[in-house]
Amino acid sequence: MGGGVTDECQQLGKVLGRARHFEGSGVLCTAPSSAPRFVVRGLTFAARDRRFMSTSPEIGPPLRIAIFNDSDVVLTTLRVWFETHGHTARTASVRDLQQPHDDVRQAIDGINAEVVVYDVALPFAASWDLLEVIRMGAGLDTIPFIVTTTNRGALDGAVHRDTGAFEVTGTPENLAEVLALVRDAAAHPAP
């Protein structure tokens, strides 16, 4: 598979299914054309709709985004989405955090992140509690966090309140909403 196809693109293609075609120059991947949609770990991808991998002329100023998630698929999808829209993204797996506050702080500082996209996964209550501990740490209270999940209703029920988390589905429209939330958070940072 030559033509400048990156390992990430090949990995994404393997994870998402039997990708028939890769576009060169970076990590743009085309989903299989045989199925109209397919689902991977709760994320729905449109097979014939490549808008989720296209760039937009209205990308705005480049942002630095730190992404925390338990799913390698979601980490790769969000990173590729943000990078194809002109931003810098760094990923870290929540399950690999040994010293949560310090590890999150290092990842944020490593790229001087302006916004954090942090996923609350199963078990929801424990994952939510971890996020709250991280947010209470020194130096993380001024950085905007976009909290995501794959099941907001279950998360809200598990923690007995409206979390305001954004439900990630992986559709092009949904990923565009995540990017809009990131841009808005960067434009209106906490004091």
C-alpha atoms as a PDB file:
ATOM      1  CA  MET A   1       0.000   0.000   0.000  1.00  0.00           C
ATOM      2  CA  GLY A   2       2.430   2.733  -0.982  1.00  0.00           C
ATOM      3  CA  GLY A   3       1.704   6.301  -1.866  1.00  0.00           C
ATOM      4  CA  GLY A   4       2.462   7.869   1.493  1.00  0.00           C
ATOM      5  CA  VAL A   5      -0.217   5.954   3.394  1.00  0.00           C
ATOM      6  CA  THR A   6       0.615   6.179   7.079  1.00  0.00           C
ATOM      7  CA  ASP A   7       0.559   3.398   9.639  1.00  0.00           C
ATOM      8  CA  GLU A   8      -2.316   5.181  11.387  1.00  0.00           C
ATOM      9  CA  CYS A   9      -4.390   5.097   8.233  1.00  0.00           C
ATOM     10  CA  GLN A  10      -3.647   1.415   7.704  1.00  0.00           C
ATOM     11  CA  GLN A  11      -4.499   0.706  11.338  1.00  0.00           C
ATOM     12  CA  LEU A  12      -7.705   2.709  11.074  1.00  0.00           C
ATOM     13  CA  GLY A  13      -8.621   0.809   7.917  1.00  0.00           C
ATOM     14  CA  LYS A  14      -8.056  -2.528   9.653  1.00  0.00           C
ATOM     15  CA  VAL A  15     -10.069  -1.492  12.677  1.00  0.00           C
ATOM     16  CA  LEU A  16     -12.967  -0.069  10.697  1.00  0.00           C
ATOM     17  CA  GLY A  17     -13.213  -2.985   8.301  1.00  0.00           C
ATOM     18  CA  ARG A  18     -11.773  -4.020   5.016  1.00  0.00           C
ATOM     19  CA  ALA A  19     -10.967  -0.597   3.620  1.00  0.00           C
ATOM     20  CA  ARG A  20     -10.655  -0.899  -0.162  1.00  0.00           C
ATOM     21  CA  HIS A  21      -8.911   2.369  -0.835  1.00  0.00           C
ATOM     22  CA  PHE A  22      -6.613   4.792   0.882  1.00  0.00           C
ATOM     23  CA  GLU A  23      -5.921   8.315  -0.278  1.00  0.00           C
ATOM     24  CA  GLY A  24      -2.293   9.390  -0.198  1.00  0.00           C
ATOM     25  CA  SER A  25      -0.826  12.450   1.514  1.00  0.00           C
ATOM     26  CA  GLY A  26      -1.542  11.800   5.125  1.00  0.00           C
ATOM     27  CA  VAL A  27      -4.124   9.844   6.999  1.00  0.00           C
ATOM     28  CA  LEU A  28      -7.260  10.261   4.912  1.00  0.00           C
ATOM     29  CA  CYS A  29      -8.994   6.900   4.607  1.00  0.00           C
ATOM     30  CA  THR A  30     -12.008   5.794   2.641  1.00  0.00           C
ATOM     31  CA  ALA A  31     -14.492   3.445   4.215  1.00  0.00           C
ATOM     32  CA  PRO A  32     -15.580   0.295   2.365  1.00  0.00           C
ATOM     33  CA  SER A  33     -17.994   1.099  -0.445  1.00  0.00           C
ATOM     34  CA  SER A  34     -19.891  -2.189  -0.059  1.00  0.00           C
ATOM     35  CA  ALA A  35     -21.904  -1.112   3.000  1.00  0.00           C
ATOM     36  CA  PRO A  36     -23.846   2.100   3.504  1.00  0.00           C
ATOM     37  CA  ARG A  37     -22.914   2.224   7.218  1.00  0.00           C
ATOM     38  CA  PHE A  38     -21.040   0.198   9.757  1.00  0.00           C
ATOM     39  CA  VAL A  39     -20.583   0.410  13.500  1.00  0.00           C
ATOM     40  CA  VAL A  40     -17.400  -0.018  15.505  1.00  0.00           C
ATOM     41  CA  ARG A  41     -17.547   0.083  19.307  1.00  0.00           C
ATOM     42  CA  GLY A  42     -20.563   2.374  19.366  1.00  0.00           C
ATOM     43  CA  LEU A  43     -19.369   4.714  16.601  1.00  0.00           C
ATOM     44  CA  THR A  44     -21.289   4.833  13.356  1.00  0.00           C
ATOM     45  CA  PHE A  45     -19.343   5.602  10.196  1.00  0.00           C
ATOM     46  CA  ALA A  46     -20.931   6.481   6.873  1.00  0.00           C
ATOM     47  CA  ALA A  47     -19.325   4.355   4.192  1.00  0.00           C
ATOM     48  CA  ARG A  48     -20.021   6.432   1.117  1.00  0.00           C
ATOM     49  CA  ASP A  49     -19.917   9.811   2.800  1.00  0.00           C
ATOM     50  CA  ARG A  50     -16.309  11.023   2.909  1.00  0.00           C
ATOM     51  CA  ARG A  51     -17.194  14.452   4.326  1.00  0.00           C
ATOM     52  CA  PHE A  52     -15.904  13.286   7.705  1.00  0.00           C
ATOM     53  CA  MET A  53     -12.429  13.127   6.195  1.00  0.00           C
ATOM     54  CA  SER A  54     -12.581  16.299   4.136  1.00  0.00           C
ATOM     55  CA  THR A  55     -11.186  19.668   5.008  1.00  0.00           C
ATOM     56  CA  SER A  56     -13.303  22.771   5.161  1.00  0.00           C
ATOM     57  CA  PRO A  57     -12.344  26.248   3.971  1.00  0.00           C
ATOM     58  CA  GLU A  58     -13.724  27.650   7.243  1.00  0.00           C
ATOM     59  CA  ILE A  59     -11.276  25.850   9.515  1.00  0.00           C
ATOM     60  CA  GLY A  60     -10.496  28.898  11.625  1.00  0.00           C
ATOM     61  CA  PRO A  61      -7.240  29.363  13.492  1.00  0.00           C
ATOM     62  CA  PRO A  62      -5.300  26.167  14.208  1.00  0.00           C
ATOM     63  CA  LEU A  63      -5.908  24.813  17.688  1.00  0.00           C
ATOM     64  CA  ARG A  64      -3.972  22.443  19.927  1.00  0.00           C
ATOM     65  CA  ILE A  65      -6.280  19.737  21.274  1.00  0.00           C
ATOM     66  CA  ALA A  66      -5.612  16.974  23.820  1.00  0.00           C
ATOM     67  CA  ILE A  67      -7.884  13.937  23.466  1.00  0.00           C
ATOM     68  CA  PHE A  68      -8.458  11.384  26.230  1.00  0.00           C
ATOM     69  CA  ASN A  69     -10.504   8.261  25.548  1.00  0.00           C
ATOM     70  CA  ASP A  70     -10.504   4.525  26.320  1.00  0.00           C
ATOM     71  CA  SER A  71     -11.074   3.506  22.711  1.00  0.00           C
ATOM     72  CA  ASP A  72      -8.161   3.440  20.266  1.00  0.00           C
ATOM     73  CA  VAL A  73     -10.720   3.728  17.450  1.00  0.00           C
ATOM     74  CA  VAL A  74     -12.213   6.913  18.886  1.00  0.00           C
ATOM     75  CA  LEU A  75      -8.773   8.363  19.663  1.00  0.00           C
ATOM     76  CA  THR A  76      -7.665   7.793  16.071  1.00  0.00           C
ATOM     77  CA  THR A  77     -10.956   9.012  14.593  1.00  0.00           C
ATOM     78  CA  LEU A  78     -10.944  12.268  16.568  1.00  0.00           C
ATOM     79  CA  ARG A  79      -7.238  12.881  15.982  1.00  0.00           C
ATOM     80  CA  VAL A  80      -7.600  12.367  12.235  1.00  0.00           C
ATOM     81  CA  TRP A  81     -10.750  14.510  12.164  1.00  0.00           C
ATOM     82  CA  PHE A  82      -9.065  17.403  13.987  1.00  0.00           C
ATOM     83  CA  GLU A  83      -5.832  17.139  11.989  1.00  0.00           C
ATOM     84  CA  THR A  84      -7.638  17.081   8.640  1.00  0.00           C
ATOM     85  CA  HIS A  85      -9.311  20.296   9.733  1.00  0.00           C
ATOM     86  CA  GLY A  86      -5.981  22.021  10.365  1.00  0.00           C
ATOM     87  CA  HIS A  87      -5.513  21.435  14.090  1.00  0.00           C
ATOM     88  CA  THR A  88      -2.846  19.708  16.180  1.00  0.00           C
ATOM     89  CA  ALA A  89      -4.079  16.828  18.322  1.00  0.00           C
ATOM     90  CA  ARG A  90      -2.431  14.618  20.901  1.00  0.00           C
ATOM     91  CA  THR A  91      -4.099  11.464  22.176  1.00  0.00           C
ATOM     92  CA  ALA A  92      -3.864   9.465  25.389  1.00  0.00           C
ATOM     93  CA  SER A  93      -5.771   6.443  26.610  1.00  0.00           C
ATOM     94  CA  VAL A  94      -7.650   7.032  29.859  1.00  0.00           C
ATOM     95  CA  ARG A  95      -7.092   3.399  30.847  1.00  0.00           C
ATOM     96  CA  ASP A  96      -3.309   3.971  30.704  1.00  0.00           C
ATOM     97  CA  LEU A  97      -3.298   6.884  33.145  1.00  0.00           C
ATOM     98  CA  GLN A  98      -1.129   5.840  36.089  1.00  0.00           C
ATOM     99  CA  GLN A  99      -1.218   9.172  37.932  1.00  0.00           C
ATOM    100  CA  PRO A 100      -4.341  10.688  36.375  1.00  0.00           C
ATOM    101  CA  HIS A 101      -3.822  14.358  37.215  1.00  0.00           C
ATOM    102  CA  ASP A 102      -0.085  14.343  36.437  1.00  0.00           C
ATOM    103  CA  ASP A 103      -0.491  12.305  33.242  1.00  0.00           C
ATOM    104  CA  VAL A 104      -3.298  14.541  31.965  1.00  0.00           C
ATOM    105  CA  ARG A 105      -1.278  17.638  32.876  1.00  0.00           C
ATOM    106  CA  GLN A 106       1.789  16.304  30.994  1.00  0.00           C
ATOM    107  CA  ALA A 107      -0.257  15.503  27.888  1.00  0.00           C
ATOM    108  CA  ILE A 108      -1.846  18.955  27.934  1.00  0.00           C
ATOM    109  CA  ASP A 109       1.471  20.691  28.531  1.00  0.00           C
ATOM    110  CA  GLY A 110       3.179  18.524  25.883  1.00  0.00           C
ATOM    111  CA  ILE A 111       1.358  20.386  23.112  1.00  0.00           C
ATOM    112  CA  ASN A 112       0.260  23.414  25.125  1.00  0.00           C
ATOM    113  CA  ALA A 113      -3.336  22.304  24.531  1.00  0.00           C
ATOM    114  CA  GLU A 114      -5.988  24.978  24.361  1.00  0.00           C
ATOM    115  CA  VAL A 115      -8.884  22.512  24.697  1.00  0.00           C
ATOM    116  CA  VAL A 116      -9.293  18.984  26.077  1.00  0.00           C
ATOM    117  CA  VAL A 117     -11.741  16.407  24.723  1.00  0.00           C
ATOM    118  CA  TYR A 118     -12.245  13.891  27.532  1.00  0.00           C
ATOM    119  CA  ASP A 119     -14.440  10.791  27.243  1.00  0.00           C
ATOM    120  CA  VAL A 120     -16.363   9.320  30.158  1.00  0.00           C
ATOM    121  CA  ALA A 121     -16.670   5.579  29.533  1.00  0.00           C
ATOM    122  CA  LEU A 122     -17.900   2.503  31.394  1.00  0.00           C
ATOM    123  CA  PRO A 123     -18.121   2.182  34.317  1.00  0.00           C
ATOM    124  CA  PHE A 124     -19.714   5.610  34.111  1.00  0.00           C
ATOM    125  CA  ALA A 125     -19.778   6.543  37.814  1.00  0.00           C
ATOM    126  CA  ALA A 126     -16.103   5.664  38.383  1.00  0.00           C
ATOM    127  CA  SER A 127     -15.074   7.345  35.134  1.00  0.00           C
ATOM    128  CA  TRP A 128     -17.022  10.493  36.061  1.00  0.00           C
ATOM    129  CA  ASP A 129     -15.440  10.535  39.526  1.00  0.00           C
ATOM    130  CA  LEU A 130     -11.975  10.283  37.942  1.00  0.00           C
ATOM    131  CA  LEU A 131     -12.750  13.239  35.677  1.00  0.00           C
ATOM    132  CA  GLU A 132     -13.877  15.313  38.661  1.00  0.00           C
ATOM    133  CA  VAL A 133     -10.652  14.508  40.529  1.00  0.00           C
ATOM    134  CA  ILE A 134      -8.608  15.478  37.470  1.00  0.00           C
ATOM    135  CA  ARG A 135     -10.509  18.759  37.035  1.00  0.00           C
ATOM    136  CA  MET A 136      -9.937  19.700  40.697  1.00  0.00           C
ATOM    137  CA  GLY A 137      -6.172  19.523  40.271  1.00  0.00           C
ATOM    138  CA  ALA A 138      -4.103  22.655  40.148  1.00  0.00           C
ATOM    139  CA  GLY A 139      -3.653  24.143  36.708  1.00  0.00           C
ATOM    140  CA  LEU A 140      -6.477  22.238  35.013  1.00  0.00           C
ATOM    141  CA  ASP A 141      -9.358  24.433  36.124  1.00  0.00           C
ATOM    142  CA  THR A 142      -8.725  27.084  33.452  1.00  0.00           C
ATOM    143  CA  ILE A 143      -8.458  24.735  30.473  1.00  0.00           C
ATOM    144  CA  PRO A 144     -11.797  24.046  28.767  1.00  0.00           C
ATOM    145  CA  PHE A 145     -12.837  20.383  28.761  1.00  0.00           C
ATOM    146  CA  ILE A 146     -15.332  19.018  26.244  1.00  0.00           C
ATOM    147  CA  VAL A 147     -16.768  15.973  27.998  1.00  0.00           C
ATOM    148  CA  THR A 148     -17.916  13.212  25.667  1.00  0.00           C
ATOM    149  CA  THR A 149     -19.518   9.794  26.070  1.00  0.00           C
ATOM    150  CA  THR A 150     -21.146   7.179  23.874  1.00  0.00           C
ATOM    151  CA  ASN A 151     -24.310   7.025  26.005  1.00  0.00           C
ATOM    152  CA  ARG A 152     -25.295  10.269  27.710  1.00  0.00           C
ATOM    153  CA  GLY A 153     -28.532   8.898  29.123  1.00  0.00           C
ATOM    154  CA  ALA A 154     -26.714   6.064  30.885  1.00  0.00           C
ATOM    155  CA  LEU A 155     -23.996   8.437  32.121  1.00  0.00           C
ATOM    156  CA  ASP A 156     -26.531  10.928  33.492  1.00  0.00           C
ATOM    157  CA  GLY A 157     -28.395   8.088  35.195  1.00  0.00           C
ATOM    158  CA  ALA A 158     -25.244   6.613  36.713  1.00  0.00           C
ATOM    159  CA  VAL A 159     -24.154   9.906  38.285  1.00  0.00           C
ATOM    160  CA  HIS A 160     -27.743  11.087  39.040  1.00  0.00           C
ATOM    161  CA  ARG A 161     -27.496  14.433  37.262  1.00  0.00           C
ATOM    162  CA  ASP A 162     -27.379  16.148  33.891  1.00  0.00           C
ATOM    163  CA  THR A 163     -23.685  15.983  33.024  1.00  0.00           C
ATOM    164  CA  GLY A 164     -23.879  18.073  29.875  1.00  0.00           C
ATOM    165  CA  ALA A 165     -21.662  15.494  28.160  1.00  0.00           C
ATOM    166  CA  PHE A 166     -21.728  15.384  24.368  1.00  0.00           C
ATOM    167  CA  GLU A 167     -22.718  12.023  22.898  1.00  0.00           C
ATOM    168  CA  VAL A 168     -20.221  10.921  20.248  1.00  0.00           C
ATOM    169  CA  THR A 169     -21.634   8.770  17.449  1.00  0.00           C
ATOM    170  CA  GLY A 170     -18.936   9.185  14.810  1.00  0.00           C
ATOM    171  CA  THR A 171     -21.157  10.412  11.995  1.00  0.00           C
ATOM    172  CA  PRO A 172     -19.776  13.282   9.903  1.00  0.00           C
ATOM    173  CA  GLU A 173     -22.386  15.639  11.344  1.00  0.00           C
ATOM    174  CA  ASN A 174     -21.600  14.500  14.888  1.00  0.00           C
ATOM    175  CA  LEU A 175     -17.843  14.950  14.448  1.00  0.00           C
ATOM    176  CA  ALA A 176     -18.503  18.401  13.001  1.00  0.00           C
ATOM    177  CA  GLU A 177     -20.442  19.212  16.191  1.00  0.00           C
ATOM    178  CA  VAL A 178     -17.507  18.050  18.341  1.00  0.00           C
ATOM    179  CA  LEU A 179     -15.208  20.336  16.347  1.00  0.00           C
ATOM    180  CA  ALA A 180     -17.664  23.231  16.741  1.00  0.00           C
ATOM    181  CA  LEU A 181     -17.688  22.650  20.523  1.00  0.00           C
ATOM    182  CA  VAL A 182     -13.883  22.652  20.555  1.00  0.00           C
ATOM    183  CA  ARG A 183     -13.725  25.881  18.558  1.00  0.00           C
ATOM    184  CA  ASP A 184     -16.302  27.539  20.791  1.00  0.00           C
ATOM    185  CA  ALA A 185     -14.471  26.441  23.955  1.00  0.00           C
ATOM    186  CA  ALA A 186     -11.187  27.801  22.595  1.00  0.00           C
ATOM    187  CA  ALA A 187     -12.842  31.106  21.676  1.00  0.00           C
ATOM    188  CA  HIS A 188     -14.364  31.447  25.170  1.00  0.00           C
ATOM    189  CA  PRO A 189     -11.837  30.002  27.637  1.00  0.00           C
ATOM    190  CA  ALA A 190     -12.515  29.920  31.354  1.00  0.00           C
ATOM    191  CA  PRO A 191     -11.062  32.867  33.322  1.00  0.00           C
END
